[in-house]
Amino acid sequence: MIPTPCQGCEQYMCECRLRELKAQGSTPTREMALAALHEANAGEYPNPKDAHEQADEVLCVFLEGLGYGEIVEVFRGIIKWYD
């Protein structure tokens, strides 16, 4: 299945997409995560820090959607070197 971007923010993996999937009783797919990571790496962000932050968010949303919210919570509590 070819992933399509979220209709709200036009990203492949975001909080609103996660809510949409949950409402449908579904979870994020591998293809959705890969599309979102390729998007973050495609040069649409003005600097590497922004791209890396977007990639972090993609992975966190993906893990949350698969039921790994506790892991995401701990990860988000770690101080980032780029802050």
Protein backbone atom coordinates (compact mmCIF):
# COMPACT_ATOMS: atom_id res chain seq x y z
CA MET A 1 0.00 0.00 0.00
CA ILE A 2 1.36 3.41 -0.96
CA PRO A 3 1.08 5.83 1.97
CA THR A 4 -0.63 9.18 1.54
CA PRO A 5 0.13 12.29 3.59
CA CYS A 6 -2.14 13.48 6.37
CA GLN A 7 -4.91 15.71 5.06
CA GLY A 8 -4.44 18.12 7.98
CA CYS A 9 -0.71 18.90 7.90
CA GLU A 10 0.44 17.03 4.77
CA GLN A 11 3.04 14.94 6.65
CA TYR A 12 3.24 11.18 6.48
CA MET A 13 3.63 10.60 10.22
CA CYS A 14 2.22 13.10 12.70
CA GLU A 15 0.04 13.30 15.81
CA CYS A 16 -3.09 14.05 13.78
CA ARG A 17 -2.39 11.05 11.50
CA LEU A 18 -1.97 8.89 14.61
CA ARG A 19 -5.36 10.05 15.95
CA GLU A 20 -6.89 9.32 12.54
CA LEU A 21 -5.45 5.80 12.51
CA LYS A 22 -6.60 5.11 16.08
CA ALA A 23 -10.12 6.21 15.17
CA GLN A 24 -10.04 3.68 12.32
CA GLY A 25 -8.73 0.96 14.65
CA SER A 26 -5.45 0.86 12.73
CA THR A 27 -1.76 1.42 13.43
CA PRO A 28 1.02 3.16 11.48
CA THR A 29 2.68 1.03 8.85
CA ARG A 30 6.32 0.49 8.01
CA GLU A 31 5.70 2.21 4.67
CA MET A 32 4.25 5.30 6.39
CA ALA A 33 7.28 5.58 8.68
CA LEU A 34 9.70 5.15 5.78
CA ALA A 35 7.89 7.78 3.69
CA ALA A 36 8.02 10.22 6.60
CA LEU A 37 11.72 9.59 7.22
CA HIS A 38 12.51 10.04 3.50
CA GLU A 39 10.53 13.29 3.64
CA ALA A 40 12.61 14.48 6.61
CA ASN A 41 15.79 13.62 4.71
CA ALA A 42 14.72 15.22 1.41
CA GLY A 43 16.07 18.65 2.21
CA GLU A 44 12.74 20.25 3.07
CA TYR A 45 14.13 21.42 6.39
CA PRO A 46 16.47 24.40 6.48
CA ASN A 47 19.12 22.71 8.61
CA PRO A 48 20.13 19.29 9.94
CA LYS A 49 18.78 20.09 13.41
CA ASP A 50 15.24 20.54 12.06
CA ALA A 51 15.48 17.40 9.94
CA HIS A 52 16.74 15.39 12.92
CA GLU A 53 13.97 16.72 15.16
CA GLN A 54 11.41 15.73 12.53
CA ALA A 55 12.92 12.25 12.25
CA ASP A 56 12.78 11.92 16.06
CA GLU A 57 9.11 12.87 15.97
CA VAL A 58 8.36 10.40 13.17
CA LEU A 59 9.89 7.54 15.13
CA CYS A 60 8.13 8.58 18.34
CA VAL A 61 4.73 8.76 16.66
CA PHE A 62 5.38 5.40 14.98
CA LEU A 63 6.31 3.75 18.28
CA GLU A 64 3.33 5.32 20.06
CA GLY A 65 1.04 4.01 17.36
CA LEU A 66 2.41 0.53 17.91
CA GLY A 67 1.76 0.76 21.65
CA TYR A 68 5.22 1.73 22.87
CA GLY A 69 4.24 5.02 24.50
CA GLU A 70 6.28 4.38 27.65
CA ILE A 71 9.47 4.05 25.59
CA VAL A 72 8.65 7.30 23.79
CA GLU A 73 8.01 9.08 27.08
CA VAL A 74 11.46 8.11 28.39
CA PHE A 75 13.11 9.03 25.08
CA ARG A 76 11.47 12.45 25.04
CA GLY A 77 12.81 13.07 28.55
CA ILE A 78 16.42 12.70 27.39
CA ILE A 79 18.26 15.96 26.85
CA LYS A 80 19.12 16.32 23.17
CA TRP A 81 22.57 17.46 22.13
CA TYR A 82 21.07 19.81 19.57
CA ASP A 83 18.86 21.76 22.00
